[in-house]
């Protein structure tokens, strides 16, 4: 959750093969949608998470 609000935030990282370190590839607030290492498309709104 972000400070001062109640919605989830997901930070996605990917390994940088040149530097051998993780690099930030995205900050997702409403939908986690990435294609590496495989396709992921998840609704991460607070309403969707409460419904689980």
PDB file of N, CA and C in Angstrom:
ATOM      1  N   UNK A   1       0.846  -1.163   0.000  1.00  0.00           N
ATOM      2  CA  UNK A   1       0.000   0.000   0.000  1.00  0.00           C
ATOM      3  C   UNK A   1       0.897   1.233   0.000  1.00  0.00           C
ATOM      4  N   UNK A   2       0.464   2.226  -0.698  1.00  0.00           N
ATOM      5  CA  UNK A   2       1.233   3.455  -0.715  1.00  0.00           C
ATOM      6  C   UNK A   2       0.939   4.256   0.540  1.00  0.00           C
ATOM      7  N   UNK A   3       1.893   5.021   0.968  1.00  0.00           N
ATOM      8  CA  UNK A   3       1.723   5.817   2.175  1.00  0.00           C
ATOM      9  C   UNK A   3       0.633   6.862   1.974  1.00  0.00           C
ATOM     10  N   UNK A   4      -0.300   6.931   2.921  1.00  0.00           N
ATOM     11  CA  UNK A   4      -1.354   7.919   2.843  1.00  0.00           C
ATOM     12  C   UNK A   4      -2.557   7.504   2.020  1.00  0.00           C
ATOM     13  N   UNK A   5      -2.529   6.334   1.410  1.00  0.00           N
ATOM     14  CA  UNK A   5      -3.671   5.858   0.640  1.00  0.00           C
ATOM     15  C   UNK A   5      -3.871   4.377   0.922  1.00  0.00           C
ATOM     16  N   UNK A   6      -4.922   3.826   0.406  1.00  0.00           N
ATOM     17  CA  UNK A   6      -5.246   2.431   0.682  1.00  0.00           C
ATOM     18  C   UNK A   6      -5.259   1.559  -0.565  1.00  0.00           C
ATOM     19  N   UNK A   7      -4.570   1.966  -1.614  1.00  0.00           N
ATOM     20  CA  UNK A   7      -4.544   1.092  -2.790  1.00  0.00           C
ATOM     21  C   UNK A   7      -3.176   0.431  -2.929  1.00  0.00           C
ATOM     22  N   UNK A   8      -3.174  -0.825  -3.392  1.00  0.00           N
ATOM     23  CA  UNK A   8      -1.926  -1.573  -3.543  1.00  0.00           C
ATOM     24  C   UNK A   8      -1.051  -1.009  -4.660  1.00  0.00           C
ATOM     25  N   UNK A   9       0.242  -1.174  -4.488  1.00  0.00           N
ATOM     26  CA  UNK A   9       1.222  -0.806  -5.503  1.00  0.00           C
ATOM     27  C   UNK A   9       2.191  -1.977  -5.645  1.00  0.00           C
ATOM     28  N   UNK A  10       2.442  -2.405  -6.882  1.00  0.00           N
ATOM     29  CA  UNK A  10       3.385  -3.491  -7.140  1.00  0.00           C
ATOM     30  C   UNK A  10       4.550  -2.934  -7.939  1.00  0.00           C
ATOM     31  N   UNK A  11       5.743  -3.171  -7.467  1.00  0.00           N
ATOM     32  CA  UNK A  11       6.955  -2.784  -8.196  1.00  0.00           C
ATOM     33  C   UNK A  11       7.531  -4.049  -8.821  1.00  0.00           C
ATOM     34  N   UNK A  12       7.758  -4.001 -10.126  1.00  0.00           N
ATOM     35  CA  UNK A  12       8.276  -5.161 -10.851  1.00  0.00           C
ATOM     36  C   UNK A  12       9.737  -4.927 -11.225  1.00  0.00           C
ATOM     37  N   UNK A  13      10.523  -5.966 -11.076  1.00  0.00           N
ATOM     38  CA  UNK A  13      11.954  -5.898 -11.377  1.00  0.00           C
ATOM     39  C   UNK A  13      12.327  -6.995 -12.353  1.00  0.00           C
ATOM     40  N   UNK A  14      13.403  -6.745 -13.082  1.00  0.00           N
ATOM     41  CA  UNK A  14      13.931  -7.730 -14.027  1.00  0.00           C
ATOM     42  C   UNK A  14      15.445  -7.739 -13.877  1.00  0.00           C
ATOM     43  N   UNK A  15      16.034  -8.913 -14.001  1.00  0.00           N
ATOM     44  CA  UNK A  15      17.492  -9.011 -13.879  1.00  0.00           C
ATOM     45  C   UNK A  15      18.154  -8.417 -15.118  1.00  0.00           C
ATOM     46  N   UNK A  16      19.098  -7.540 -14.900  1.00  0.00           N
ATOM     47  CA  UNK A  16      19.892  -6.953 -15.980  1.00  0.00           C
ATOM     48  C   UNK A  16      21.097  -7.868 -16.182  1.00  0.00           C
ATOM     49  N   UNK A  17      21.138  -8.557 -17.317  1.00  0.00           N
ATOM     50  CA  UNK A  17      22.189  -9.554 -17.544  1.00  0.00           C
ATOM     51  C   UNK A  17      23.574  -8.936 -17.693  1.00  0.00           C
ATOM     52  N   UNK A  18      23.626  -7.681 -18.093  1.00  0.00           N
ATOM     53  CA  UNK A  18      24.923  -7.018 -18.238  1.00  0.00           C
ATOM     54  C   UNK A  18      25.498  -6.652 -16.869  1.00  0.00           C
ATOM     55  N   UNK A  19      24.686  -6.012 -16.044  1.00  0.00           N
ATOM     56  CA  UNK A  19      25.152  -5.553 -14.730  1.00  0.00           C
ATOM     57  C   UNK A  19      24.977  -6.582 -13.623  1.00  0.00           C
ATOM     58  N   UNK A  20      24.280  -7.680 -13.920  1.00  0.00           N
ATOM     59  CA  UNK A  20      23.999  -8.726 -12.937  1.00  0.00           C
ATOM     60  C   UNK A  20      23.298  -8.149 -11.702  1.00  0.00           C
ATOM     61  N   UNK A  21      22.347  -7.261 -11.959  1.00  0.00           N
ATOM     62  CA  UNK A  21      21.587  -6.633 -10.878  1.00  0.00           C
ATOM     63  C   UNK A  21      20.144  -6.466 -11.329  1.00  0.00           C
ATOM     64  N   UNK A  22      19.263  -6.308 -10.369  1.00  0.00           N
ATOM     65  CA  UNK A  22      17.852  -6.094 -10.694  1.00  0.00           C
ATOM     66  C   UNK A  22      17.610  -4.645 -11.059  1.00  0.00           C
ATOM     67  N   UNK A  23      16.759  -4.438 -12.070  1.00  0.00           N
ATOM     68  CA  UNK A  23      16.394  -3.098 -12.518  1.00  0.00           C
ATOM     69  C   UNK A  23      14.875  -2.975 -12.468  1.00  0.00           C
ATOM     70  N   UNK A  24      14.395  -1.845 -12.026  1.00  0.00           N
ATOM     71  CA  UNK A  24      12.967  -1.594 -11.964  1.00  0.00           C
ATOM     72  C   UNK A  24      12.392  -1.533 -13.372  1.00  0.00           C
ATOM     73  N   UNK A  25      11.331  -2.302 -13.621  1.00  0.00           N
ATOM     74  CA  UNK A  25      10.711  -2.297 -14.949  1.00  0.00           C
ATOM     75  C   UNK A  25       9.327  -1.671 -14.936  1.00  0.00           C
ATOM     76  N   UNK A  26       8.772  -1.452 -13.747  1.00  0.00           N
ATOM     77  CA  UNK A  26       7.462  -0.821 -13.699  1.00  0.00           C
ATOM     78  C   UNK A  26       6.918  -0.692 -12.294  1.00  0.00           C
ATOM     79  N   UNK A  27       6.066   0.304 -12.113  1.00  0.00           N
ATOM     80  CA  UNK A  27       5.322   0.496 -10.876  1.00  0.00           C
ATOM     81  C   UNK A  27       3.854   0.451 -11.268  1.00  0.00           C
ATOM     82  N   UNK A  28       3.146  -0.531 -10.742  1.00  0.00           N
ATOM     83  CA  UNK A  28       1.775  -0.806 -11.167  1.00  0.00           C
ATOM     84  C   UNK A  28       0.805  -0.453 -10.039  1.00  0.00           C
ATOM     85  N   UNK A  29      -0.226   0.338 -10.378  1.00  0.00           N
ATOM     86  CA  UNK A  29      -1.180   0.804  -9.374  1.00  0.00           C
ATOM     87  C   UNK A  29      -2.543   0.147  -9.491  1.00  0.00           C
ATOM     88  N   UNK A  30      -3.017  -0.133 -10.673  1.00  0.00           N
ATOM     89  CA  UNK A  30      -4.356  -0.673 -10.858  1.00  0.00           C
ATOM     90  C   UNK A  30      -4.348  -2.052 -11.493  1.00  0.00           C
ATOM     91  N   UNK A  31      -3.350  -2.313 -12.308  1.00  0.00           N
ATOM     92  CA  UNK A  31      -3.285  -3.582 -13.028  1.00  0.00           C
ATOM     93  C   UNK A  31      -1.826  -3.976 -13.187  1.00  0.00           C
ATOM     94  N   UNK A  32      -1.519  -5.205 -12.792  1.00  0.00           N
ATOM     95  CA  UNK A  32      -0.188  -5.753 -13.010  1.00  0.00           C
ATOM     96  C   UNK A  32      -0.209  -6.423 -14.365  1.00  0.00           C
ATOM     97  N   UNK A  33       0.516  -5.864 -15.315  1.00  0.00           N
ATOM     98  CA  UNK A  33       0.513  -6.350 -16.691  1.00  0.00           C
ATOM     99  C   UNK A  33       1.951  -6.394 -17.188  1.00  0.00           C
ATOM    100  N   UNK A  34       2.539  -7.602 -17.194  1.00  0.00           N
ATOM    101  CA  UNK A  34       3.923  -7.776 -17.645  1.00  0.00           C
ATOM    102  C   UNK A  34       3.998  -8.932 -18.626  1.00  0.00           C
ATOM    103  N   UNK A  35       5.055  -8.980 -19.403  1.00  0.00           N
ATOM    104  CA  UNK A  35       5.231 -10.034 -20.392  1.00  0.00           C
ATOM    105  C   UNK A  35       6.458 -10.890 -20.167  1.00  0.00           C
ATOM    106  N   UNK A  36       7.245 -10.575 -19.142  1.00  0.00           N
ATOM    107  CA  UNK A  36       8.474 -11.319 -18.868  1.00  0.00           C
ATOM    108  C   UNK A  36       8.440 -11.759 -17.415  1.00  0.00           C
ATOM    109  N   UNK A  37       8.688 -12.955 -17.063  1.00  0.00           N
ATOM    110  CA  UNK A  37       9.127 -14.073 -17.891  1.00  0.00           C
ATOM    111  C   UNK A  37       7.980 -14.736 -18.648  1.00  0.00           C
ATOM    112  N   UNK A  38       6.733 -14.388 -18.280  1.00  0.00           N
ATOM    113  CA  UNK A  38       5.562 -14.868 -19.015  1.00  0.00           C
ATOM    114  C   UNK A  38       4.464 -13.823 -18.841  1.00  0.00           C
ATOM    115  N   UNK A  39       3.415 -13.933 -19.628  1.00  0.00           N
ATOM    116  CA  UNK A  39       2.341 -12.944 -19.576  1.00  0.00           C
ATOM    117  C   UNK A  39       1.579 -13.015 -18.263  1.00  0.00           C
ATOM    118  N   UNK A  40       1.485 -11.879 -17.591  1.00  0.00           N
ATOM    119  CA  UNK A  40       0.700 -11.746 -16.361  1.00  0.00           C
ATOM    120  C   UNK A  40      -0.180 -10.522 -16.524  1.00  0.00           C
ATOM    121  N   UNK A  41      -1.458 -10.680 -16.239  1.00  0.00           N
ATOM    122  CA  UNK A  41      -2.413  -9.576 -16.303  1.00  0.00           C
ATOM    123  C   UNK A  41      -3.373  -9.749 -15.130  1.00  0.00           C
ATOM    124  N   UNK A  42      -3.127  -9.002 -14.033  1.00  0.00           N
ATOM    125  CA  UNK A  42      -3.898  -9.163 -12.809  1.00  0.00           C
ATOM    126  C   UNK A  42      -4.459  -7.821 -12.374  1.00  0.00           C
ATOM    127  N   UNK A  43      -5.740  -7.810 -12.043  1.00  0.00           N
ATOM    128  CA  UNK A  43      -6.389  -6.627 -11.488  1.00  0.00           C
ATOM    129  C   UNK A  43      -5.950  -6.510 -10.028  1.00  0.00           C
ATOM    130  N   UNK A  44      -5.236  -5.440  -9.676  1.00  0.00           N
ATOM    131  CA  UNK A  44      -4.757  -5.272  -8.306  1.00  0.00           C
ATOM    132  C   UNK A  44      -5.434  -4.096  -7.610  1.00  0.00           C
ATOM    133  N   UNK A  45      -6.622  -3.720  -8.085  1.00  0.00           N
ATOM    134  CA  UNK A  45      -7.358  -2.673  -7.390  1.00  0.00           C
ATOM    135  C   UNK A  45      -7.799  -3.213  -6.032  1.00  0.00           C
ATOM    136  N   UNK A  46      -8.005  -2.331  -5.096  1.00  0.00           N
ATOM    137  CA  UNK A  46      -8.418  -2.735  -3.760  1.00  0.00           C
ATOM    138  C   UNK A  46      -9.737  -3.504  -3.792  1.00  0.00           C
ATOM    139  N   UNK A  47     -10.650  -3.081  -4.653  1.00  0.00           N
ATOM    140  CA  UNK A  47     -11.936  -3.762  -4.778  1.00  0.00           C
ATOM    141  C   UNK A  47     -11.752  -5.203  -5.243  1.00  0.00           C
ATOM    142  N   UNK A  48     -10.882  -5.417  -6.211  1.00  0.00           N
ATOM    143  CA  UNK A  48     -10.627  -6.775  -6.720  1.00  0.00           C
ATOM    144  C   UNK A  48      -9.984  -7.644  -5.652  1.00  0.00           C
ATOM    145  N   UNK A  49      -9.072  -7.073  -4.888  1.00  0.00           N
ATOM    146  CA  UNK A  49      -8.397  -7.854  -3.850  1.00  0.00           C
ATOM    147  C   UNK A  49      -9.336  -8.186  -2.711  1.00  0.00           C
ATOM    148  N   UNK A  50     -10.245  -7.275  -2.385  1.00  0.00           N
ATOM    149  CA  UNK A  50     -11.246  -7.558  -1.328  1.00  0.00           C
ATOM    150  C   UNK A  50     -12.185  -8.684  -1.750  1.00  0.00           C
ATOM    151  N   UNK A  51     -12.411  -8.828  -3.044  1.00  0.00           N
ATOM    152  CA  UNK A  51     -13.328  -9.848  -3.550  1.00  0.00           C
ATOM    153  C   UNK A  51     -12.723 -11.262  -3.474  1.00  0.00           C
ATOM    154  N   UNK A  52     -11.427 -11.366  -3.238  1.00  0.00           N
ATOM    155  CA  UNK A  52     -10.790 -12.685  -3.185  1.00  0.00           C
ATOM    156  C   UNK A  52     -11.193 -13.468  -1.971  1.00  0.00           C
TER     157      UNK A  52
END
